C-alpha atoms as a PDB file:
ATOM      1  CA  MET A   1     100.816 109.975  85.041  1.00  0.00           C
ATOM      2  CA  LEU A   2     102.029 113.256  86.287  1.00  0.00           C
ATOM      3  CA  ASN A   3     102.925 116.092  83.820  1.00  0.00           C
ATOM      4  CA  VAL A   4     106.572 117.310  84.490  1.00  0.00           C
ATOM      5  CA  ARG A   5     106.926 119.741  81.565  1.00  0.00           C
ATOM      6  CA  ASP A   6     107.444 122.671  83.939  1.00  0.00           C
ATOM      7  CA  LEU A   7     110.377 120.774  85.745  1.00  0.00           C
ATOM      8  CA  GLU A   8     112.102 119.230  82.765  1.00  0.00           C
ATOM      9  CA  ARG A   9     115.825 120.254  82.377  1.00  0.00           C
ATOM     10  CA  ARG A  10     115.555 122.778  85.163  1.00  0.00           C
ATOM     11  CA  PRO A  11     117.787 121.418  87.977  1.00  0.00           C
ATOM     12  CA  GLY A  12     116.927 122.736  91.358  1.00  0.00           C
ATOM     13  CA  GLU A  13     113.217 123.189  90.544  1.00  0.00           C
ATOM     14  CA  MET A  14     110.745 121.317  92.777  1.00  0.00           C
ATOM     15  CA  ARG A  15     107.031 120.803  92.915  1.00  0.00           C
ATOM     16  CA  GLU A  16     104.840 118.966  95.448  1.00  0.00           C
ATOM     17  CA  LYS A  17     101.640 117.181  94.439  1.00  0.00           C
ATOM     18  CA  ASP A  18      98.951 115.568  96.622  1.00  0.00           C
ATOM     19  CA  LEU A  19      96.803 112.969  94.939  1.00  0.00           C
ATOM     20  CA  ASP A  20      93.856 111.000  96.030  1.00  0.00           C
ATOM     21  CA  VAL A  21      93.339 108.046  93.681  1.00  0.00           C
ATOM     22  CA  THR A  22      90.357 105.712  93.731  1.00  0.00           C
ATOM     23  CA  LEU A  23      91.430 102.202  92.838  1.00  0.00           C
ATOM     24  CA  ALA A  24      89.718 100.519  89.999  1.00  0.00           C
ATOM     25  CA  GLU A  25      91.211  97.083  90.726  1.00  0.00           C
ATOM     26  CA  ARG A  26      92.465  95.165  93.781  1.00  0.00           C
ATOM     27  CA  MET A  27      95.996  95.948  94.920  1.00  0.00           C
ATOM     28  CA  GLY A  28      97.491  92.824  96.463  1.00  0.00           C
ATOM     29  CA  GLU A  29      96.821  89.087  96.036  1.00  0.00           C
ATOM     30  CA  GLY A  30      96.960  87.634  99.572  1.00  0.00           C
ATOM     31  CA  LEU A  31      94.587  87.567 102.542  1.00  0.00           C
ATOM     32  CA  LEU A  32      94.990  91.388 102.866  1.00  0.00           C
ATOM     33  CA  ALA A  33      94.685  93.816 100.005  1.00  0.00           C
ATOM     34  CA  VAL A  34      93.677  97.373  99.170  1.00  0.00           C
ATOM     35  CA  GLN A  35      90.302  96.770  97.737  1.00  0.00           C
ATOM     36  CA  PRO A  36      88.764  98.277  94.571  1.00  0.00           C
ATOM     37  CA  GLY A  37      87.062 101.596  95.379  1.00  0.00           C
ATOM     38  CA  SER A  38      89.398 102.328  98.147  1.00  0.00           C
ATOM     39  CA  VAL A  39      91.248 105.683  98.180  1.00  0.00           C
ATOM     40  CA  LEU A  40      95.073 105.775  97.937  1.00  0.00           C
ATOM     41  CA  HIS A  41      96.617 109.039  99.063  1.00  0.00           C
ATOM     42  CA  VAL A  42      99.943 109.959  97.348  1.00  0.00           C
ATOM     43  CA  ASP A  43     101.963 112.818  98.717  1.00  0.00           C
ATOM     44  CA  ALA A  44     104.653 113.269  96.101  1.00  0.00           C
ATOM     45  CA  ARG A  45     107.744 115.634  95.687  1.00  0.00           C
ATOM     46  CA  LEU A  46     109.125 116.037  92.213  1.00  0.00           C
ATOM     47  CA  GLU A  47     112.584 117.443  91.872  1.00  0.00           C
ATOM     48  CA  SER A  48     114.405 118.312  88.714  1.00  0.00           C
ATOM     49  CA  VAL A  49     118.014 117.021  88.722  1.00  0.00           C
ATOM     50  CA  HIS A  50     120.606 116.837  85.863  1.00  0.00           C
ATOM     51  CA  GLU A  51     119.764 113.190  85.055  1.00  0.00           C
ATOM     52  CA  GLY A  52     115.958 113.497  85.199  1.00  0.00           C
ATOM     53  CA  ILE A  53     113.144 113.901  87.715  1.00  0.00           C
ATOM     54  CA  LEU A  54     113.559 112.685  91.206  1.00  0.00           C
ATOM     55  CA  VAL A  55     110.313 111.507  92.730  1.00  0.00           C
ATOM     56  CA  THR A  56     109.946 111.046  96.522  1.00  0.00           C
ATOM     57  CA  ALA A  57     106.599 109.900  97.589  1.00  0.00           C
ATOM     58  CA  GLU A  58     104.632 108.742 100.708  1.00  0.00           C
ATOM     59  CA  VAL A  59     101.606 106.541 100.025  1.00  0.00           C
ATOM     60  CA  SER A  60      98.837 105.750 102.502  1.00  0.00           C
ATOM     61  CA  ALA A  61      95.664 103.549 102.212  1.00  0.00           C
ATOM     62  CA  THR A  62      93.748 101.059 104.167  1.00  0.00           C
ATOM     63  CA  ALA A  63      94.018  97.354 103.367  1.00  0.00           C
ATOM     64  CA  ASP A  64      91.101  95.065 104.078  1.00  0.00           C
ATOM     65  CA  GLY A  65      90.995  91.271 104.321  1.00  0.00           C
ATOM     66  CA  GLU A  66      90.857  88.460 106.841  1.00  0.00           C
ATOM     67  CA  CYS A  67      93.018  87.137 109.738  1.00  0.00           C
ATOM     68  CA  GLY A  68      95.220  84.276 108.571  1.00  0.00           C
ATOM     69  CA  ARG A  69      94.418  82.322 111.802  1.00  0.00           C
ATOM     70  CA  CYS A  70      90.779  82.878 112.722  1.00  0.00           C
ATOM     71  CA  LEU A  71      89.402  84.341 109.405  1.00  0.00           C
ATOM     72  CA  ARG A  72      87.908  87.401 111.162  1.00  0.00           C
ATOM     73  CA  PRO A  73      87.640  90.504 108.903  1.00  0.00           C
ATOM     74  CA  ILE A  74      90.462  92.920 109.539  1.00  0.00           C
ATOM     75  CA  SER A  75      91.646  96.366 108.290  1.00  0.00           C
ATOM     76  CA  GLU A  76      95.137  97.667 108.531  1.00  0.00           C
ATOM     77  CA  PRO A  77      96.648 101.069 107.568  1.00  0.00           C
ATOM     78  CA  VAL A  78      99.291 100.874 104.845  1.00  0.00           C
ATOM     79  CA  GLU A  79     101.983 103.572 104.833  1.00  0.00           C
ATOM     80  CA  VAL A  80     104.931 103.301 102.439  1.00  0.00           C
ATOM     81  CA  GLU A  81     107.597 105.577 101.121  1.00  0.00           C
ATOM     82  CA  PHE A  82     109.712 105.422  98.031  1.00  0.00           C
ATOM     83  CA  GLN A  83     112.150 107.464  95.988  1.00  0.00           C
ATOM     84  CA  GLU A  84     112.976 106.893  92.320  1.00  0.00           C
ATOM     85  CA  LEU A  85     114.721 108.633  89.474  1.00  0.00           C
ATOM     86  CA  PHE A  86     112.896 109.020  86.207  1.00  0.00           C
ATOM     87  CA  ALA A  87     115.717 109.531  83.770  1.00  0.00           C
ATOM     88  CA  TYR A  88     115.604 111.611  80.653  1.00  0.00           C
ATOM     89  CA  PRO A  89     115.642 109.524  77.503  1.00  0.00           C
ATOM     90  CA  SER A  90     119.112 108.566  76.463  1.00  0.00           C
ATOM     91  CA  GLU A  91     121.149 105.628  75.160  1.00  0.00           C
ATOM     92  CA  GLU A  92     121.518 104.244  78.666  1.00  0.00           C
ATOM     93  CA  ALA A  93     118.951 101.848  80.016  1.00  0.00           C
ATOM     94  CA  PHE A  94     117.059 103.027  83.045  1.00  0.00           C
ATOM     95  CA  ASP A  95     114.177 101.330  84.899  1.00  0.00           C
ATOM     96  CA  TYR A  96     112.067 104.456  84.782  1.00  0.00           C
ATOM     97  CA  VAL A  97     112.125 107.290  82.150  1.00  0.00           C
ATOM     98  CA  VAL A  98     110.301 110.513  81.551  1.00  0.00           C
ATOM     99  CA  VAL A  99     107.995 109.796  78.627  1.00  0.00           C
ATOM    100  CA  ALA A 100     106.316 112.593  76.710  1.00  0.00           C
ATOM    101  CA  ASP A 101     106.749 115.054  79.519  1.00  0.00           C
ATOM    102  CA  HIS A 102     105.114 112.652  82.021  1.00  0.00           C
ATOM    103  CA  VAL A 103     106.281 110.289  84.826  1.00  0.00           C
ATOM    104  CA  ASP A 104     104.090 107.159  85.524  1.00  0.00           C
ATOM    105  CA  LEU A 105     103.985 106.556  89.257  1.00  0.00           C
ATOM    106  CA  GLU A 106     101.496 103.671  89.096  1.00  0.00           C
ATOM    107  CA  PRO A 107     104.030 100.764  88.910  1.00  0.00           C
ATOM    108  CA  LEU A 108     106.022 102.215  91.736  1.00  0.00           C
ATOM    109  CA  VAL A 109     103.024 102.789  94.042  1.00  0.00           C
ATOM    110  CA  ARG A 110     101.740  99.288  93.286  1.00  0.00           C
ATOM    111  CA  ASP A 111     105.037  97.671  94.076  1.00  0.00           C
ATOM    112  CA  ALA A 112     105.571  99.600  97.261  1.00  0.00           C
ATOM    113  CA  VAL A 113     102.039  98.922  98.589  1.00  0.00           C
ATOM    114  CA  VAL A 114     101.918  95.231  97.647  1.00  0.00           C
ATOM    115  CA  LEU A 115     105.418  94.533  99.059  1.00  0.00           C
ATOM    116  CA  SER A 116     104.346  96.150 102.343  1.00  0.00           C
ATOM    117  CA  LEU A 117     101.380  93.926 102.972  1.00  0.00           C
ATOM    118  CA  PRO A 118     101.887  91.047 105.354  1.00  0.00           C
ATOM    119  CA  PHE A 119     101.779  87.618 103.931  1.00  0.00           C
ATOM    120  CA  GLN A 120      99.928  86.126 106.944  1.00  0.00           C
ATOM    121  CA  PRO A 121      98.025  88.954 108.606  1.00  0.00           C
ATOM    122  CA  VAL A 122      96.562  88.365 112.022  1.00  0.00           C
ATOM    123  CA  CYS A 123      93.866  90.265 113.989  1.00  0.00           C
ATOM    124  CA  SER A 124      96.114  90.263 117.048  1.00  0.00           C
ATOM    125  CA  PRO A 125      99.644  88.771 117.772  1.00  0.00           C
ATOM    126  CA  ASP A 126      98.111  86.288 120.216  1.00  0.00           C
ATOM    127  CA  CYS A 127      95.183  85.201 118.083  1.00  0.00           C
ATOM    128  CA  PRO A 128      94.652  81.465 118.818  1.00  0.00           C
ATOM    129  CA  GLY A 129      92.988  80.703 115.490  1.00  0.00           C
ATOM    130  CA  LEU A 130      90.446  77.989 114.764  1.00  0.00           C
ATOM    131  CA  ASP A 131      89.882  74.779 116.616  1.00  0.00           C
ATOM    132  CA  PRO A 132      91.225  72.018 114.298  1.00  0.00           C
ATOM    133  CA  VAL A 133      88.334  69.619 115.079  1.00  0.00           C
ATOM    134  CA  THR A 134      85.300  71.814 115.122  1.00  0.00           C
ATOM    135  CA  GLY A 135      86.472  74.776 113.053  1.00  0.00           C
ATOM    136  CA  GLU A 136      85.196  77.238 115.688  1.00  0.00           C
ATOM    137  CA  ARG A 137      87.110  80.260 116.720  1.00  0.00           C
ATOM    138  CA  LEU A 138      89.087  79.495 119.905  1.00  0.00           C
ATOM    139  CA  ASP A 139      88.638  83.098 121.003  1.00  0.00           C
ATOM    140  CA  ASP A 140      84.818  82.621 121.094  1.00  0.00           C
ATOM    141  CA  ASP A 141      84.997  79.735 123.646  1.00  0.00           C
ATOM    142  CA  PRO A 142      87.879  80.104 126.159  1.00  0.00           C
ATOM    143  CA  GLU A 143      86.972  76.749 127.718  1.00  0.00           C
ATOM    144  CA  SER A 144      87.991  74.918 124.424  1.00  0.00           C
ATOM    145  CA  ARG A 145      91.517  76.194 124.785  1.00  0.00           C
ATOM    146  CA  ALA A 146      92.447  73.438 127.151  1.00  0.00           C
ATOM    147  CA  PRO A 147      94.756  70.943 125.594  1.00  0.00           C
ATOM    148  CA  SER A 148      92.985  67.656 124.580  1.00  0.00           C
ATOM    149  CA  GLY A 149      95.728  65.152 125.240  1.00  0.00           C
ATOM    150  CA  VAL A 150      98.769  64.116 123.346  1.00  0.00           C
ATOM    151  CA  ASP A 151      98.717  64.145 119.519  1.00  0.00           C
ATOM    152  CA  PRO A 152      98.764  60.394 118.583  1.00  0.00           C
ATOM    153  CA  ARG A 153     101.595  61.079 116.234  1.00  0.00           C
ATOM    154  CA  TRP A 154     103.852  61.850 119.183  1.00  0.00           C
ATOM    155  CA  SER A 155     102.676  58.972 121.368  1.00  0.00           C
ATOM    156  CA  ALA A 156     105.796  56.934 120.675  1.00  0.00           C
ATOM    157  CA  LEU A 157     107.965  59.724 122.177  1.00  0.00           C
ATOM    158  CA  ALA A 158     105.904  59.799 125.402  1.00  0.00           C
ATOM    159  CA  GLY A 159     107.301  56.419 126.257  1.00  0.00           C
ATOM    160  CA  LEU A 160     110.870  57.776 125.983  1.00  0.00           C
ATOM    161  CA  ALA A 161     110.258  60.625 128.423  1.00  0.00           C
ATOM    162  CA  ALA A 162     108.745  58.218 130.948  1.00  0.00           C
ATOM    163  CA  SER A 163     111.569  55.760 130.788  1.00  0.00           C
ATOM    164  CA  ALA A 164     114.458  58.260 130.986  1.00  0.00           C
ATOM    165  CA  ASP A 165     116.286  57.902 134.245  1.00  0.00           C
ATOM    166  CA  PRO A 166     116.931  61.350 135.861  1.00  0.00           C
ATOM    167  CA  ASP A 167     120.188  59.979 137.460  1.00  0.00           C
ATOM    168  CA  ASP A 168     121.675  59.282 134.011  1.00  0.00           C
ATOM    169  CA  GLU A 169     121.725  63.063 133.187  1.00  0.00           C
ATOM    170  CA  LYS A 170     123.988  63.771 136.185  1.00  0.00           C
ATOM    171  CA  HIS A 171     126.888  61.679 134.843  1.00  0.00           C
END
């Protein structure tokens, strides 16, 4: 919650605020999340406009978790921006309003950070993952990367490829 009493109903006034917030709870539910105890840096600009307080913010943090393919621990920087109007109380319905001379950035920051996190994070774009038989990381043993024959579920199709006549394709 940021106090905006000095900006209320003064169009054209602006204030910048830098905040470092230590998270009390996890932010994100997938394989990658900003963990409790992590510091979230918020660089916010608050501008008074006729309708309310316009907040423009840049948020940065580090998300920790595990690779969705090989389960190695990974860390990724998270950097998001958002802009939202906190309207003055009125008869109209607004998503965000100025309440008791304060604006609450927590729901906006949470939504922006969580939505920016990848659903299936990987340690590298070419991560081969785990061996489906042994469960070992394929990166740890390059020799095990060799294909081990045809999947038995596709064996019926192997006969089709062998019986296809190359001359039939020319006609």
